[in-house]
């Protein structure tokens, strides 16, 4: 956009710089081993926006460069002394030399692309990455029902939601050796909750996810990231719905047990001597209530 609409939109709906940096922290365990393997290596961030990820990359010792088409966003980066360039992300990526980048990242970019451009991004990223280099693609998670049906379309520049299995297959198909889906930004409290409500099932699945794909490399380079690739991340719809089903079943079982208990108490009362002895009194009481009601 040529005006400041999108910058204002991002400032309203994306969150402060500190909030965004906190959301990016889970990527550091993937990045740091690679930064140690390639100290001072270039790292390219496509659609860099306000530059939060560029700042984080710089702290690892890598040499980040951000590309974005929005000049207003780039001005915010320049104020912070970040190295950025205006241009088309796919074209810029295609002009880079082979094996030149430690990282190629695209945060909330792929949902803006056509599927052909998404495939080009993956193919070109594989070409320009160093051995063991990482492609990171973060996008809204359509496994979250609220995201898929409403929140995704809040951004007027979005094309379509991309299911995690599709995005991971794109990276696999284009030759990445190791591909990991990580789900992100779920509520820490909900992640530990054994009794989610229906609202939690509809809205609580990790609202974002990323595919992290690693280029083929020797054993030493790959070993440095084995641990983080082997972990599981985030909150899935299957997990939340299973917890909800189990919680509902337990509530039903508890209610049935209470009804059974009450039935037993009523049966015991009806068959008790006191109930039998007081039967005439109850008969008189019922008759009196009837007579009073007629008066």
C-alpha atoms as a PDB file:
ATOM      1  CA  UNK A   1       0.000   0.000   0.000  1.00  0.00           C
ATOM      2  CA  UNK A   2       1.259   3.467  -0.813  1.00  0.00           C
ATOM      3  CA  UNK A   3      -0.214   5.197   2.258  1.00  0.00           C
ATOM      4  CA  UNK A   4       0.312   4.452   5.953  1.00  0.00           C
ATOM      5  CA  UNK A   5      -2.746   2.197   6.312  1.00  0.00           C
ATOM      6  CA  UNK A   6      -0.860  -1.062   6.720  1.00  0.00           C
ATOM      7  CA  UNK A   7       1.618   0.388   9.219  1.00  0.00           C
ATOM      8  CA  UNK A   8      -1.308   1.673  11.299  1.00  0.00           C
ATOM      9  CA  UNK A   9      -3.071  -1.674  10.944  1.00  0.00           C
ATOM     10  CA  UNK A  10       0.015  -3.553  12.174  1.00  0.00           C
ATOM     11  CA  UNK A  11       0.464  -1.179  15.106  1.00  0.00           C
ATOM     12  CA  UNK A  12      -3.174  -1.733  16.125  1.00  0.00           C
ATOM     13  CA  UNK A  13      -3.461  -5.502  15.724  1.00  0.00           C
ATOM     14  CA  UNK A  14       0.014  -6.992  15.843  1.00  0.00           C
ATOM     15  CA  UNK A  15       1.212  -5.815  19.246  1.00  0.00           C
ATOM     16  CA  UNK A  16       4.113  -3.807  20.640  1.00  0.00           C
ATOM     17  CA  UNK A  17       7.741  -4.491  19.760  1.00  0.00           C
ATOM     18  CA  UNK A  18       8.313  -6.099  23.151  1.00  0.00           C
ATOM     19  CA  UNK A  19       5.293  -8.384  22.683  1.00  0.00           C
ATOM     20  CA  UNK A  20       6.485  -9.488  19.247  1.00  0.00           C
ATOM     21  CA  UNK A  21      10.024 -10.122  20.495  1.00  0.00           C
ATOM     22  CA  UNK A  22       8.583 -12.328  23.219  1.00  0.00           C
ATOM     23  CA  UNK A  23       6.657 -14.305  20.602  1.00  0.00           C
ATOM     24  CA  UNK A  24       9.855 -14.796  18.578  1.00  0.00           C
ATOM     25  CA  UNK A  25      11.868 -16.174  21.495  1.00  0.00           C
ATOM     26  CA  UNK A  26      10.979 -19.864  20.795  1.00  0.00           C
ATOM     27  CA  UNK A  27      13.068 -19.698  17.609  1.00  0.00           C
ATOM     28  CA  UNK A  28      16.329 -18.907  19.374  1.00  0.00           C
ATOM     29  CA  UNK A  29      17.152 -22.557  20.289  1.00  0.00           C
ATOM     30  CA  UNK A  30      17.001 -23.348  16.563  1.00  0.00           C
ATOM     31  CA  UNK A  31      19.077 -20.317  15.575  1.00  0.00           C
ATOM     32  CA  UNK A  32      21.857 -20.258  18.159  1.00  0.00           C
ATOM     33  CA  UNK A  33      23.542 -23.572  17.199  1.00  0.00           C
ATOM     34  CA  UNK A  34      23.596 -22.442  13.571  1.00  0.00           C
ATOM     35  CA  UNK A  35      24.994 -19.020  14.503  1.00  0.00           C
ATOM     36  CA  UNK A  36      27.845 -20.835  16.264  1.00  0.00           C
ATOM     37  CA  UNK A  37      28.506 -22.903  13.150  1.00  0.00           C
ATOM     38  CA  UNK A  38      28.506 -19.828  10.881  1.00  0.00           C
ATOM     39  CA  UNK A  39      29.531 -16.784  12.960  1.00  0.00           C
ATOM     40  CA  UNK A  40      28.836 -13.520  11.157  1.00  0.00           C
ATOM     41  CA  UNK A  41      27.003 -15.239   8.292  1.00  0.00           C
ATOM     42  CA  UNK A  42      24.241 -13.407   6.384  1.00  0.00           C
ATOM     43  CA  UNK A  43      20.615 -14.033   7.336  1.00  0.00           C
ATOM     44  CA  UNK A  44      17.718 -12.853   5.196  1.00  0.00           C
ATOM     45  CA  UNK A  45      14.298 -11.896   6.574  1.00  0.00           C
ATOM     46  CA  UNK A  46      11.581 -11.632   3.931  1.00  0.00           C
ATOM     47  CA  UNK A  47       8.793  -9.196   4.778  1.00  0.00           C
ATOM     48  CA  UNK A  48      10.752  -7.835   7.723  1.00  0.00           C
ATOM     49  CA  UNK A  49       8.066  -5.355   8.803  1.00  0.00           C
ATOM     50  CA  UNK A  50       9.123  -3.264  11.811  1.00  0.00           C
ATOM     51  CA  UNK A  51      12.326  -5.287  12.265  1.00  0.00           C
ATOM     52  CA  UNK A  52      11.830  -7.131  15.565  1.00  0.00           C
ATOM     53  CA  UNK A  53      13.288 -10.359  14.165  1.00  0.00           C
ATOM     54  CA  UNK A  54      16.235  -8.471  12.630  1.00  0.00           C
ATOM     55  CA  UNK A  55      17.091  -7.157  16.095  1.00  0.00           C
ATOM     56  CA  UNK A  56      16.983 -10.658  17.559  1.00  0.00           C
ATOM     57  CA  UNK A  57      19.131 -12.121  14.762  1.00  0.00           C
ATOM     58  CA  UNK A  58      21.746  -9.416  15.325  1.00  0.00           C
ATOM     59  CA  UNK A  59      22.129 -10.499  18.957  1.00  0.00           C
ATOM     60  CA  UNK A  60      23.163 -14.001  17.819  1.00  0.00           C
ATOM     61  CA  UNK A  61      26.139 -12.714  15.843  1.00  0.00           C
ATOM     62  CA  UNK A  62      24.563 -13.257  12.435  1.00  0.00           C
ATOM     63  CA  UNK A  63      24.391 -10.448   9.867  1.00  0.00           C
ATOM     64  CA  UNK A  64      20.677  -9.881   9.150  1.00  0.00           C
ATOM     65  CA  UNK A  65      19.169  -8.074   6.175  1.00  0.00           C
ATOM     66  CA  UNK A  66      15.466  -7.294   5.897  1.00  0.00           C
ATOM     67  CA  UNK A  67      13.416  -7.018   2.705  1.00  0.00           C
ATOM     68  CA  UNK A  68       9.983  -5.411   2.558  1.00  0.00           C
ATOM     69  CA  UNK A  69       7.841  -3.597   0.006  1.00  0.00           C
ATOM     70  CA  UNK A  70       6.348  -1.196   2.548  1.00  0.00           C
ATOM     71  CA  UNK A  71       8.589   1.868   2.787  1.00  0.00           C
ATOM     72  CA  UNK A  72       6.802   2.995   5.934  1.00  0.00           C
ATOM     73  CA  UNK A  73       7.780  -0.240   7.684  1.00  0.00           C
ATOM     74  CA  UNK A  74      11.359   0.097   6.487  1.00  0.00           C
ATOM     75  CA  UNK A  75      11.591   3.617   7.910  1.00  0.00           C
ATOM     76  CA  UNK A  76      10.850   2.150  11.352  1.00  0.00           C
ATOM     77  CA  UNK A  77      13.761  -0.281  10.836  1.00  0.00           C
ATOM     78  CA  UNK A  78      16.165   2.425   9.687  1.00  0.00           C
ATOM     79  CA  UNK A  79      15.451   4.495  12.786  1.00  0.00           C
ATOM     80  CA  UNK A  80      16.789   1.523  14.774  1.00  0.00           C
ATOM     81  CA  UNK A  81      19.897   1.255  12.607  1.00  0.00           C
ATOM     82  CA  UNK A  82      18.803  -2.013  10.984  1.00  0.00           C
ATOM     83  CA  UNK A  83      19.955  -2.980   7.492  1.00  0.00           C
ATOM     84  CA  UNK A  84      16.945  -3.161   5.192  1.00  0.00           C
ATOM     85  CA  UNK A  85      16.084  -2.895   1.520  1.00  0.00           C
ATOM     86  CA  UNK A  86      12.854  -2.200  -0.352  1.00  0.00           C
ATOM     87  CA  UNK A  87      11.911  -4.788  -2.931  1.00  0.00           C
ATOM     88  CA  UNK A  88      10.045  -7.928  -3.858  1.00  0.00           C
ATOM     89  CA  UNK A  89      10.978 -10.789  -1.530  1.00  0.00           C
ATOM     90  CA  UNK A  90      10.911 -13.566  -4.138  1.00  0.00           C
ATOM     91  CA  UNK A  91      12.888 -11.564  -6.702  1.00  0.00           C
ATOM     92  CA  UNK A  92      15.519 -10.604  -4.135  1.00  0.00           C
ATOM     93  CA  UNK A  93      15.847 -14.191  -2.952  1.00  0.00           C
ATOM     94  CA  UNK A  94      16.239 -15.393  -6.527  1.00  0.00           C
ATOM     95  CA  UNK A  95      19.173 -13.041  -7.124  1.00  0.00           C
ATOM     96  CA  UNK A  96      21.258 -14.299  -4.185  1.00  0.00           C
ATOM     97  CA  UNK A  97      24.210 -16.656  -4.735  1.00  0.00           C
ATOM     98  CA  UNK A  98      24.092 -20.340  -3.813  1.00  0.00           C
ATOM     99  CA  UNK A  99      24.973 -21.386  -0.238  1.00  0.00           C
ATOM    100  CA  UNK A 100      25.196 -17.801   0.967  1.00  0.00           C
ATOM    101  CA  UNK A 101      22.682 -17.534   3.850  1.00  0.00           C
ATOM    102  CA  UNK A 102      22.529 -19.139   7.279  1.00  0.00           C
ATOM    103  CA  UNK A 103      18.828 -18.270   7.705  1.00  0.00           C
ATOM    104  CA  UNK A 104      15.959 -17.401   5.386  1.00  0.00           C
ATOM    105  CA  UNK A 105      12.898 -16.343   7.368  1.00  0.00           C
ATOM    106  CA  UNK A 106       9.391 -15.258   6.411  1.00  0.00           C
ATOM    107  CA  UNK A 107       7.114 -14.288   9.302  1.00  0.00           C
ATOM    108  CA  UNK A 108       3.487 -13.913   8.255  1.00  0.00           C
ATOM    109  CA  UNK A 109       4.448 -13.682   4.601  1.00  0.00           C
ATOM    110  CA  UNK A 110       3.416 -16.965   2.983  1.00  0.00           C
ATOM    111  CA  UNK A 111      -0.294 -16.344   3.532  1.00  0.00           C
ATOM    112  CA  UNK A 112       0.112 -13.270   1.290  1.00  0.00           C
ATOM    113  CA  UNK A 113       1.609 -15.256  -1.605  1.00  0.00           C
ATOM    114  CA  UNK A 114       0.172 -17.221  -4.480  1.00  0.00           C
ATOM    115  CA  UNK A 115       0.879 -20.943  -4.247  1.00  0.00           C
ATOM    116  CA  UNK A 116       3.348 -20.718  -7.146  1.00  0.00           C
ATOM    117  CA  UNK A 117       5.290 -18.002  -5.321  1.00  0.00           C
ATOM    118  CA  UNK A 118       5.246 -20.072  -2.136  1.00  0.00           C
ATOM    119  CA  UNK A 119       6.878 -22.941  -4.013  1.00  0.00           C
ATOM    120  CA  UNK A 120       9.434 -20.555  -5.521  1.00  0.00           C
ATOM    121  CA  UNK A 121      10.252 -19.283  -2.050  1.00  0.00           C
ATOM    122  CA  UNK A 122      10.935 -22.797  -0.779  1.00  0.00           C
ATOM    123  CA  UNK A 123      12.992 -23.797  -3.816  1.00  0.00           C
ATOM    124  CA  UNK A 124      15.091 -20.621  -3.838  1.00  0.00           C
ATOM    125  CA  UNK A 125      15.602 -20.763  -0.075  1.00  0.00           C
ATOM    126  CA  UNK A 126      17.032 -24.270  -0.388  1.00  0.00           C
ATOM    127  CA  UNK A 127      19.433 -23.046  -3.056  1.00  0.00           C
ATOM    128  CA  UNK A 128      20.739 -20.002  -1.190  1.00  0.00           C
ATOM    129  CA  UNK A 129      21.017 -21.589   2.273  1.00  0.00           C
ATOM    130  CA  UNK A 130      24.308 -22.877   3.578  1.00  0.00           C
ATOM    131  CA  UNK A 131      24.487 -26.582   4.540  1.00  0.00           C
ATOM    132  CA  UNK A 132      22.316 -27.007   7.616  1.00  0.00           C
ATOM    133  CA  UNK A 133      20.762 -23.585   7.046  1.00  0.00           C
ATOM    134  CA  UNK A 134      17.186 -22.969   8.158  1.00  0.00           C
ATOM    135  CA  UNK A 135      14.077 -21.794   6.369  1.00  0.00           C
ATOM    136  CA  UNK A 136      11.492 -20.433   8.845  1.00  0.00           C
ATOM    137  CA  UNK A 137       7.932 -19.751   7.668  1.00  0.00           C
ATOM    138  CA  UNK A 138       5.436 -18.590  10.289  1.00  0.00           C
ATOM    139  CA  UNK A 139       1.755 -18.145   9.438  1.00  0.00           C
ATOM    140  CA  UNK A 140      -1.718 -18.132  11.077  1.00  0.00           C
ATOM    141  CA  UNK A 141      -2.841 -21.602  12.124  1.00  0.00           C
ATOM    142  CA  UNK A 142      -6.144 -22.711  10.505  1.00  0.00           C
ATOM    143  CA  UNK A 143      -6.328 -25.615  12.986  1.00  0.00           C
ATOM    144  CA  UNK A 144      -7.600 -22.898  15.348  1.00  0.00           C
ATOM    145  CA  UNK A 145     -11.280 -22.606  14.376  1.00  0.00           C
ATOM    146  CA  UNK A 146     -11.534 -18.917  15.314  1.00  0.00           C
ATOM    147  CA  UNK A 147      -8.449 -18.128  13.220  1.00  0.00           C
ATOM    148  CA  UNK A 148      -9.645 -20.141  10.221  1.00  0.00           C
ATOM    149  CA  UNK A 149     -13.165 -18.699  10.156  1.00  0.00           C
ATOM    150  CA  UNK A 150     -12.651 -15.101  11.318  1.00  0.00           C
ATOM    151  CA  UNK A 151      -9.302 -13.755  12.518  1.00  0.00           C
ATOM    152  CA  UNK A 152      -7.376 -14.710   9.377  1.00  0.00           C
ATOM    153  CA  UNK A 153      -9.585 -12.440   7.286  1.00  0.00           C
ATOM    154  CA  UNK A 154      -9.030  -9.442   9.532  1.00  0.00           C
ATOM    155  CA  UNK A 155      -5.980  -8.677   7.385  1.00  0.00           C
ATOM    156  CA  UNK A 156      -7.278  -7.592   3.948  1.00  0.00           C
ATOM    157  CA  UNK A 157      -4.020  -8.578   2.236  1.00  0.00           C
ATOM    158  CA  UNK A 158      -4.219 -12.265   3.189  1.00  0.00           C
ATOM    159  CA  UNK A 159      -4.786 -14.729   0.340  1.00  0.00           C
ATOM    160  CA  UNK A 160      -5.859 -17.994   2.043  1.00  0.00           C
ATOM    161  CA  UNK A 161      -5.028 -20.006   5.169  1.00  0.00           C
ATOM    162  CA  UNK A 162      -2.357 -22.684   4.706  1.00  0.00           C
ATOM    163  CA  UNK A 163      -2.767 -25.954   6.644  1.00  0.00           C
ATOM    164  CA  UNK A 164       0.405 -27.041   8.486  1.00  0.00           C
ATOM    165  CA  UNK A 165       0.676 -30.345   6.628  1.00  0.00           C
ATOM    166  CA  UNK A 166       0.597 -28.553   3.279  1.00  0.00           C
ATOM    167  CA  UNK A 167       3.295 -26.034   4.192  1.00  0.00           C
ATOM    168  CA  UNK A 168       5.534 -28.735   5.633  1.00  0.00           C
ATOM    169  CA  UNK A 169       5.074 -30.847   2.485  1.00  0.00           C
ATOM    170  CA  UNK A 170       6.118 -27.914   0.300  1.00  0.00           C
ATOM    171  CA  UNK A 171       9.433 -27.762   2.183  1.00  0.00           C
ATOM    172  CA  UNK A 172       9.875 -31.546   2.029  1.00  0.00           C
ATOM    173  CA  UNK A 173       9.035 -31.704  -1.671  1.00  0.00           C
ATOM    174  CA  UNK A 174      11.596 -29.050  -2.548  1.00  0.00           C
ATOM    175  CA  UNK A 175      14.395 -30.976  -0.877  1.00  0.00           C
ATOM    176  CA  UNK A 176      14.827 -29.941   2.745  1.00  0.00           C
ATOM    177  CA  UNK A 177      16.290 -32.776   4.793  1.00  0.00           C
ATOM    178  CA  UNK A 178      14.471 -32.098   8.055  1.00  0.00           C
ATOM    179  CA  UNK A 179      11.120 -30.345   8.509  1.00  0.00           C
ATOM    180  CA  UNK A 180       9.416 -29.473  11.788  1.00  0.00           C
ATOM    181  CA  UNK A 181       5.980 -27.986  12.517  1.00  0.00           C
ATOM    182  CA  UNK A 182       5.923 -25.909  15.693  1.00  0.00           C
ATOM    183  CA  UNK A 183       2.677 -24.478  17.026  1.00  0.00           C
ATOM    184  CA  UNK A 184       2.903 -21.129  18.778  1.00  0.00           C
ATOM    185  CA  UNK A 185       1.297 -18.461  20.975  1.00  0.00           C
ATOM    186  CA  UNK A 186      -1.200 -20.674  22.826  1.00  0.00           C
ATOM    187  CA  UNK A 187      -2.215 -19.768  26.380  1.00  0.00           C
ATOM    188  CA  UNK A 188       0.226 -21.255  28.878  1.00  0.00           C
ATOM    189  CA  UNK A 189      -2.641 -21.686  31.353  1.00  0.00           C
ATOM    190  CA  UNK A 190      -4.800 -23.513  28.810  1.00  0.00           C
ATOM    191  CA  UNK A 191      -1.880 -25.743  27.824  1.00  0.00           C
ATOM    192  CA  UNK A 192      -1.945 -27.158  31.375  1.00  0.00           C
ATOM    193  CA  UNK A 193      -5.741 -27.236  31.739  1.00  0.00           C
ATOM    194  CA  UNK A 194      -7.326 -30.706  31.915  1.00  0.00           C
ATOM    195  CA  UNK A 195     -10.914 -29.398  31.749  1.00  0.00           C
ATOM    196  CA  UNK A 196     -11.205 -26.967  28.826  1.00  0.00           C
ATOM    197  CA  UNK A 197     -14.523 -25.343  28.024  1.00  0.00           C
ATOM    198  CA  UNK A 198     -16.130 -25.519  24.578  1.00  0.00           C
ATOM    199  CA  UNK A 199     -14.931 -21.946  23.949  1.00  0.00           C
ATOM    200  CA  UNK A 200     -11.370 -23.150  24.552  1.00  0.00           C
ATOM    201  CA  UNK A 201     -11.748 -25.885  21.926  1.00  0.00           C
ATOM    202  CA  UNK A 202     -12.998 -23.324  19.395  1.00  0.00           C
ATOM    203  CA  UNK A 203     -10.454 -20.595  20.159  1.00  0.00           C
ATOM    204  CA  UNK A 204      -7.604 -22.087  22.182  1.00  0.00           C
ATOM    205  CA  UNK A 205      -5.519 -24.037  19.653  1.00  0.00           C
ATOM    206  CA  UNK A 206      -2.125 -22.399  18.980  1.00  0.00           C
ATOM    207  CA  UNK A 207      -3.115 -19.390  16.826  1.00  0.00           C
ATOM    208  CA  UNK A 208       0.133 -19.411  14.827  1.00  0.00           C
ATOM    209  CA  UNK A 209       2.457 -22.132  13.611  1.00  0.00           C
ATOM    210  CA  UNK A 210       5.748 -22.288  11.787  1.00  0.00           C
ATOM    211  CA  UNK A 211       7.463 -24.737   9.528  1.00  0.00           C
ATOM    212  CA  UNK A 212      11.196 -24.868  10.230  1.00  0.00           C
ATOM    213  CA  UNK A 213      13.070 -26.662   7.461  1.00  0.00           C
ATOM    214  CA  UNK A 214      16.764 -27.535   7.533  1.00  0.00           C
ATOM    215  CA  UNK A 215      18.984 -28.043   4.505  1.00  0.00           C
ATOM    216  CA  UNK A 216      21.090 -31.171   4.190  1.00  0.00           C
ATOM    217  CA  UNK A 217      24.429 -30.982   5.985  1.00  0.00           C
ATOM    218  CA  UNK A 218      27.097 -33.113   7.598  1.00  0.00           C
ATOM    219  CA  UNK A 219      26.395 -34.937  10.847  1.00  0.00           C
ATOM    220  CA  UNK A 220      28.127 -32.381  13.082  1.00  0.00           C
ATOM    221  CA  UNK A 221      25.948 -29.499  11.890  1.00  0.00           C
ATOM    222  CA  UNK A 222      22.707 -31.487  12.097  1.00  0.00           C
ATOM    223  CA  UNK A 223      23.576 -32.862  15.539  1.00  0.00           C
ATOM    224  CA  UNK A 224      23.608 -29.340  16.954  1.00  0.00           C
ATOM    225  CA  UNK A 225      19.857 -29.013  16.353  1.00  0.00           C
ATOM    226  CA  UNK A 226      18.712 -32.602  17.019  1.00  0.00           C
ATOM    227  CA  UNK A 227      17.234 -31.765  20.422  1.00  0.00           C
ATOM    228  CA  UNK A 228      15.021 -28.876  19.284  1.00  0.00           C
ATOM    229  CA  UNK A 229      13.796 -30.748  16.218  1.00  0.00           C
ATOM    230  CA  UNK A 230      12.830 -33.751  18.348  1.00  0.00           C
ATOM    231  CA  UNK A 231      10.561 -31.795  20.723  1.00  0.00           C
ATOM    232  CA  UNK A 232       6.835 -31.178  20.320  1.00  0.00           C
ATOM    233  CA  UNK A 233       5.446 -27.658  20.435  1.00  0.00           C
ATOM    234  CA  UNK A 234       2.071 -26.053  20.986  1.00  0.00           C
ATOM    235  CA  UNK A 235      -1.538 -27.058  21.456  1.00  0.00           C
ATOM    236  CA  UNK A 236      -3.455 -28.984  18.798  1.00  0.00           C
ATOM    237  CA  UNK A 237      -7.171 -29.260  18.148  1.00  0.00           C
ATOM    238  CA  UNK A 238      -6.944 -33.016  18.746  1.00  0.00           C
ATOM    239  CA  UNK A 239      -5.440 -32.469  22.199  1.00  0.00           C
ATOM    240  CA  UNK A 240      -7.998 -29.879  23.276  1.00  0.00           C
ATOM    241  CA  UNK A 241     -11.003 -31.768  21.921  1.00  0.00           C
ATOM    242  CA  UNK A 242      -9.826 -35.002  23.573  1.00  0.00           C
ATOM    243  CA  UNK A 243      -9.477 -33.200  26.912  1.00  0.00           C
ATOM    244  CA  UNK A 244     -12.932 -31.667  26.449  1.00  0.00           C
ATOM    245  CA  UNK A 245     -14.479 -35.071  25.652  1.00  0.00           C
ATOM    246  CA  UNK A 246     -12.832 -36.690  28.671  1.00  0.00           C
ATOM    247  CA  UNK A 247     -13.883 -33.846  30.956  1.00  0.00           C
ATOM    248  CA  UNK A 248     -17.473 -34.068  29.683  1.00  0.00           C
ATOM    249  CA  UNK A 249     -17.550 -37.848  30.171  1.00  0.00           C
ATOM    250  CA  UNK A 250     -16.305 -37.470  33.739  1.00  0.00           C
ATOM    251  CA  UNK A 251     -18.980 -34.874  34.465  1.00  0.00           C
ATOM    252  CA  UNK A 252     -21.685 -37.175  33.070  1.00  0.00           C
ATOM    253  CA  UNK A 253     -20.348 -40.102  35.094  1.00  0.00           C
ATOM    254  CA  UNK A 254     -20.309 -37.940  38.221  1.00  0.00           C
ATOM    255  CA  UNK A 255     -23.910 -36.838  37.580  1.00  0.00           C
ATOM    256  CA  UNK A 256     -25.027 -40.441  36.976  1.00  0.00           C
ATOM    257  CA  UNK A 257     -23.314 -41.560  40.176  1.00  0.00           C
ATOM    258  CA  UNK A 258     -25.066 -38.769  42.103  1.00  0.00           C
ATOM    259  CA  UNK A 259     -28.454 -39.748  40.646  1.00  0.00           C
ATOM    260  CA  UNK A 260     -27.805 -43.389  41.568  1.00  0.00           C
ATOM    261  CA  UNK A 261     -26.847 -42.300  45.077  1.00  0.00           C
ATOM    262  CA  UNK A 262     -30.022 -40.229  45.449  1.00  0.00           C
ATOM    263  CA  UNK A 263     -32.164 -43.085  44.130  1.00  0.00           C
ATOM    264  CA  UNK A 264     -30.629 -45.339  46.776  1.00  0.00           C
ATOM    265  CA  UNK A 265     -31.372 -42.820  49.487  1.00  0.00           C
ATOM    266  CA  UNK A 266     -34.984 -42.457  48.339  1.00  0.00           C
ATOM    267  CA  UNK A 267     -35.420 -46.239  48.162  1.00  0.00           C
ATOM    268  CA  UNK A 268     -33.979 -46.607  51.672  1.00  0.00           C
ATOM    269  CA  UNK A 269     -36.259 -43.879  52.980  1.00  0.00           C
ATOM    270  CA  UNK A 270     -39.408 -45.331  51.418  1.00  0.00           C
ATOM    271  CA  UNK A 271     -38.688 -48.752  52.895  1.00  0.00           C
ATOM    272  CA  UNK A 272     -37.708 -47.482  56.330  1.00  0.00           C
ATOM    273  CA  UNK A 273     -39.843 -47.993  59.483  1.00  0.00           C
ATOM    274  CA  UNK A 274     -40.064 -44.255  60.067  1.00  0.00           C
ATOM    275  CA  UNK A 275     -41.534 -43.750  56.588  1.00  0.00           C
ATOM    276  CA  UNK A 276     -44.105 -46.485  57.221  1.00  0.00           C
ATOM    277  CA  UNK A 277     -44.979 -45.185  60.710  1.00  0.00           C
ATOM    278  CA  UNK A 278     -45.500 -41.645  59.494  1.00  0.00           C
ATOM    279  CA  UNK A 279     -47.669 -42.642  56.541  1.00  0.00           C
ATOM    280  CA  UNK A 280     -50.961 -41.766  58.371  1.00  0.00           C
ATOM    281  CA  UNK A 281     -49.553 -38.353  59.275  1.00  0.00           C
ATOM    282  CA  UNK A 282     -48.602 -37.705  55.668  1.00  0.00           C
ATOM    283  CA  UNK A 283     -52.129 -38.717  54.586  1.00  0.00           C
ATOM    284  CA  UNK A 284     -53.689 -36.287  57.060  1.00  0.00           C
ATOM    285  CA  UNK A 285     -51.276 -33.543  55.991  1.00  0.00           C
ATOM    286  CA  UNK A 286     -52.187 -34.001  52.320  1.00  0.00           C
ATOM    287  CA  UNK A 287     -55.922 -33.838  53.132  1.00  0.00           C
ATOM    288  CA  UNK A 288     -55.488 -30.670  55.207  1.00  0.00           C
ATOM    289  CA  UNK A 289     -53.542 -29.000  52.370  1.00  0.00           C
ATOM    290  CA  UNK A 290     -56.345 -29.948  49.979  1.00  0.00           C
ATOM    291  CA  UNK A 291     -59.034 -28.480  52.268  1.00  0.00           C
ATOM    292  CA  UNK A 292     -57.048 -25.294  52.861  1.00  0.00           C
ATOM    293  CA  UNK A 293     -56.559 -24.884  49.127  1.00  0.00           C
ATOM    294  CA  UNK A 294     -60.330 -25.134  48.521  1.00  0.00           C
ATOM    295  CA  UNK A 295     -61.009 -22.485  51.180  1.00  0.00           C
END
